[in-house]
Amino acid sequence: MSLNIAIPCTPNYTNKRIINSIPKSVDVVTQFITLYHSIKKNWQNFDYTIHLFRNERNPFSEYDRKRLCPLDIEIHTVKEDYKAKSEDRRTPFMIRCNILNFKFRDASSHILILDPDMIALN
């Protein structure tokens, strides 16, 4: 059994105010890549899968897709669904809520949600 590490990472190329995406001097994809390498370097004692979640309204640029493609991650797009009857599906930008409701493919019982501006130490 492995741990699912879920990281919300919605890019903000316009530097406008987007919920769950704050413009910073280091862009969110660079922050994620730094976290990714920190996890790979320091967390070698257990199995895990890294999942990257983004909002469908804010796709990655071609440049960022090229940076993310070689990484050992699964990228998930959170789709907006305003017609959904259940309240938990009507969260277009609240990606953490969507992560908690996501059906991961493996039998893991735990999900660790990290912010992209973190580092992982052992």
C-alpha atoms as a PDB file:
ATOM      1  CA  MET A   1       0.000   0.000   0.000  1.00  0.00           C
ATOM      2  CA  SER A   2       1.278   3.451  -0.809  1.00  0.00           C
ATOM      3  CA  LEU A   3       0.500   6.996   0.214  1.00  0.00           C
ATOM      4  CA  ASN A   4      -1.254   9.391  -2.153  1.00  0.00           C
ATOM      5  CA  ILE A   5       0.443  12.787  -2.010  1.00  0.00           C
ATOM      6  CA  ALA A   6      -1.921  15.368  -3.484  1.00  0.00           C
ATOM      7  CA  ILE A   7      -0.811  18.870  -4.374  1.00  0.00           C
ATOM      8  CA  PRO A   8      -3.123  21.595  -5.673  1.00  0.00           C
ATOM      9  CA  CYS A   9      -1.347  23.591  -8.355  1.00  0.00           C
ATOM     10  CA  THR A  10      -3.491  25.960 -10.388  1.00  0.00           C
ATOM     11  CA  PRO A  11      -1.272  28.276 -12.449  1.00  0.00           C
ATOM     12  CA  ASN A  12      -1.941  31.994 -12.433  1.00  0.00           C
ATOM     13  CA  TYR A  13      -0.324  33.485 -15.523  1.00  0.00           C
ATOM     14  CA  THR A  14      -2.420  36.675 -15.434  1.00  0.00           C
ATOM     15  CA  ASN A  15      -1.378  37.625 -11.882  1.00  0.00           C
ATOM     16  CA  LYS A  16      -5.039  38.403 -11.237  1.00  0.00           C
ATOM     17  CA  ARG A  17      -6.764  37.319  -8.065  1.00  0.00           C
ATOM     18  CA  ILE A  18      -7.816  33.670  -8.430  1.00  0.00           C
ATOM     19  CA  ILE A  19      -9.120  31.689  -5.464  1.00  0.00           C
ATOM     20  CA  ASN A  20      -6.446  29.245  -4.210  1.00  0.00           C
ATOM     21  CA  SER A  21      -3.791  30.857  -6.399  1.00  0.00           C
ATOM     22  CA  ILE A  22      -1.784  33.767  -5.022  1.00  0.00           C
ATOM     23  CA  PRO A  23       0.713  35.498  -7.328  1.00  0.00           C
ATOM     24  CA  LYS A  24       4.220  35.242  -5.838  1.00  0.00           C
ATOM     25  CA  SER A  25       7.705  36.027  -7.041  1.00  0.00           C
ATOM     26  CA  VAL A  26       8.254  32.293  -7.630  1.00  0.00           C
ATOM     27  CA  ASP A  27       5.489  30.853  -9.820  1.00  0.00           C
ATOM     28  CA  VAL A  28       3.392  27.950  -8.545  1.00  0.00           C
ATOM     29  CA  VAL A  29       4.790  25.420 -11.031  1.00  0.00           C
ATOM     30  CA  THR A  30       8.365  26.183  -9.976  1.00  0.00           C
ATOM     31  CA  GLN A  31       7.251  25.861  -6.355  1.00  0.00           C
ATOM     32  CA  PHE A  32       5.711  22.461  -7.152  1.00  0.00           C
ATOM     33  CA  ILE A  33       8.839  21.251  -8.975  1.00  0.00           C
ATOM     34  CA  THR A  34      10.964  22.255  -5.976  1.00  0.00           C
ATOM     35  CA  LEU A  35       8.617  20.314  -3.674  1.00  0.00           C
ATOM     36  CA  TYR A  36       8.662  17.331  -6.057  1.00  0.00           C
ATOM     37  CA  HIS A  37      12.477  17.112  -6.014  1.00  0.00           C
ATOM     38  CA  SER A  38      12.504  17.566  -2.257  1.00  0.00           C
ATOM     39  CA  ILE A  39      10.083  14.630  -1.858  1.00  0.00           C
ATOM     40  CA  LYS A  40      12.052  12.428  -4.257  1.00  0.00           C
ATOM     41  CA  LYS A  41      15.309  13.196  -2.455  1.00  0.00           C
ATOM     42  CA  ASN A  42      14.125  12.859   1.132  1.00  0.00           C
ATOM     43  CA  TRP A  43      11.191  10.421   1.232  1.00  0.00           C
ATOM     44  CA  GLN A  44      12.715   7.142   0.119  1.00  0.00           C
ATOM     45  CA  ASN A  45      11.556   4.912   2.982  1.00  0.00           C
ATOM     46  CA  PHE A  46       7.973   4.332   1.796  1.00  0.00           C
ATOM     47  CA  ASP A  47       5.918   4.069  -1.370  1.00  0.00           C
ATOM     48  CA  TYR A  48       3.906   7.025  -2.598  1.00  0.00           C
ATOM     49  CA  THR A  49       2.323   8.485  -5.694  1.00  0.00           C
ATOM     50  CA  ILE A  50       2.409  12.230  -6.317  1.00  0.00           C
ATOM     51  CA  HIS A  51      -0.805  13.694  -7.723  1.00  0.00           C
ATOM     52  CA  LEU A  52      -0.999  17.216  -9.103  1.00  0.00           C
ATOM     53  CA  PHE A  53      -4.458  18.828  -9.232  1.00  0.00           C
ATOM     54  CA  ARG A  54      -5.382  21.909 -11.246  1.00  0.00           C
ATOM     55  CA  ASN A  55      -8.581  23.698 -12.199  1.00  0.00           C
ATOM     56  CA  GLU A  56      -9.733  23.158 -15.784  1.00  0.00           C
ATOM     57  CA  ARG A  57     -10.246  26.890 -16.267  1.00  0.00           C
ATOM     58  CA  ASN A  58      -6.512  27.531 -15.776  1.00  0.00           C
ATOM     59  CA  PRO A  59      -4.494  25.149 -17.977  1.00  0.00           C
ATOM     60  CA  PHE A  60      -0.720  24.919 -17.842  1.00  0.00           C
ATOM     61  CA  SER A  61       1.264  26.818 -20.466  1.00  0.00           C
ATOM     62  CA  GLU A  62       3.233  24.857 -23.041  1.00  0.00           C
ATOM     63  CA  TYR A  63       6.440  25.788 -21.204  1.00  0.00           C
ATOM     64  CA  ASP A  64       5.115  24.434 -17.894  1.00  0.00           C
ATOM     65  CA  ARG A  65       3.703  21.285 -19.523  1.00  0.00           C
ATOM     66  CA  LYS A  66       7.198  20.552 -20.849  1.00  0.00           C
ATOM     67  CA  ARG A  67       8.608  21.026 -17.333  1.00  0.00           C
ATOM     68  CA  LEU A  68       5.981  18.755 -15.740  1.00  0.00           C
ATOM     69  CA  CYS A  69       5.910  16.007 -18.369  1.00  0.00           C
ATOM     70  CA  PRO A  70       9.156  14.215 -17.394  1.00  0.00           C
ATOM     71  CA  LEU A  71       8.219  14.086 -13.699  1.00  0.00           C
ATOM     72  CA  ASP A  72       6.886  10.914 -12.104  1.00  0.00           C
ATOM     73  CA  ILE A  73       3.442  12.392 -11.286  1.00  0.00           C
ATOM     74  CA  GLU A  74      -0.211  12.006 -12.146  1.00  0.00           C
ATOM     75  CA  ILE A  75      -1.912  15.225 -13.254  1.00  0.00           C
ATOM     76  CA  HIS A  76      -5.639  15.603 -12.622  1.00  0.00           C
ATOM     77  CA  THR A  77      -7.921  18.317 -13.914  1.00  0.00           C
ATOM     78  CA  VAL A  78     -10.736  19.387 -11.614  1.00  0.00           C
ATOM     79  CA  LYS A  79     -13.749  20.030 -13.804  1.00  0.00           C
ATOM     80  CA  GLU A  80     -16.358  22.591 -12.934  1.00  0.00           C
ATOM     81  CA  ASP A  81     -19.837  21.190 -12.494  1.00  0.00           C
ATOM     82  CA  TYR A  82     -22.352  23.840 -11.553  1.00  0.00           C
ATOM     83  CA  LYS A  83     -25.292  21.561 -12.335  1.00  0.00           C
ATOM     84  CA  ALA A  84     -24.234  18.970  -9.783  1.00  0.00           C
ATOM     85  CA  LYS A  85     -26.822  18.219  -7.141  1.00  0.00           C
ATOM     86  CA  SER A  86     -24.333  17.456  -4.385  1.00  0.00           C
ATOM     87  CA  GLU A  87     -22.703  20.451  -2.733  1.00  0.00           C
ATOM     88  CA  ASP A  88     -19.208  18.910  -2.784  1.00  0.00           C
ATOM     89  CA  ARG A  89     -19.146  18.944  -6.623  1.00  0.00           C
ATOM     90  CA  ARG A  90     -19.980  22.669  -6.813  1.00  0.00           C
ATOM     91  CA  THR A  91     -16.494  23.756  -5.825  1.00  0.00           C
ATOM     92  CA  PRO A  92     -14.812  24.921  -9.020  1.00  0.00           C
ATOM     93  CA  PHE A  93     -11.816  26.493  -7.296  1.00  0.00           C
ATOM     94  CA  MET A  94     -11.780  24.739  -3.928  1.00  0.00           C
ATOM     95  CA  ILE A  95      -9.436  22.062  -5.160  1.00  0.00           C
ATOM     96  CA  ARG A  96      -8.671  20.651  -1.699  1.00  0.00           C
ATOM     97  CA  CYS A  97     -12.329  19.664  -1.358  1.00  0.00           C
ATOM     98  CA  ASN A  98     -12.147  17.964  -4.746  1.00  0.00           C
ATOM     99  CA  ILE A  99      -8.999  16.116  -3.686  1.00  0.00           C
ATOM    100  CA  LEU A 100     -10.769  14.705  -0.640  1.00  0.00           C
ATOM    101  CA  ASN A 101     -13.584  13.430  -2.866  1.00  0.00           C
ATOM    102  CA  PHE A 102     -11.299  12.093  -5.606  1.00  0.00           C
ATOM    103  CA  LYS A 103     -11.341   8.335  -6.223  1.00  0.00           C
ATOM    104  CA  PHE A 104      -7.682   7.323  -6.318  1.00  0.00           C
ATOM    105  CA  ARG A 105      -6.969   4.143  -8.315  1.00  0.00           C
ATOM    106  CA  ASP A 106      -4.980   2.327  -5.664  1.00  0.00           C
ATOM    107  CA  ALA A 107      -6.046   0.933  -2.308  1.00  0.00           C
ATOM    108  CA  SER A 108      -4.340   3.621  -0.223  1.00  0.00           C
ATOM    109  CA  SER A 109      -6.180   4.627   2.892  1.00  0.00           C
ATOM    110  CA  HIS A 110      -4.366   7.933   3.389  1.00  0.00           C
ATOM    111  CA  ILE A 111      -4.050  11.141   1.420  1.00  0.00           C
ATOM    112  CA  LEU A 112      -1.459  13.749   2.292  1.00  0.00           C
ATOM    113  CA  ILE A 113      -2.346  17.173   0.887  1.00  0.00           C
ATOM    114  CA  LEU A 114       0.633  19.501   0.554  1.00  0.00           C
ATOM    115  CA  ASP A 115       0.862  23.074  -0.685  1.00  0.00           C
ATOM    116  CA  PRO A 116       3.276  23.613  -3.585  1.00  0.00           C
ATOM    117  CA  ASP A 117       5.340  26.157  -1.635  1.00  0.00           C
ATOM    118  CA  MET A 118       6.481  23.550   0.910  1.00  0.00           C
ATOM    119  CA  ILE A 119       9.640  21.467   1.097  1.00  0.00           C
ATOM    120  CA  ALA A 120       9.780  17.867   2.297  1.00  0.00           C
ATOM    121  CA  LEU A 121      12.437  16.819   4.789  1.00  0.00           C
ATOM    122  CA  ASN A 122      13.025  13.439   6.362  1.00  0.00           C
END
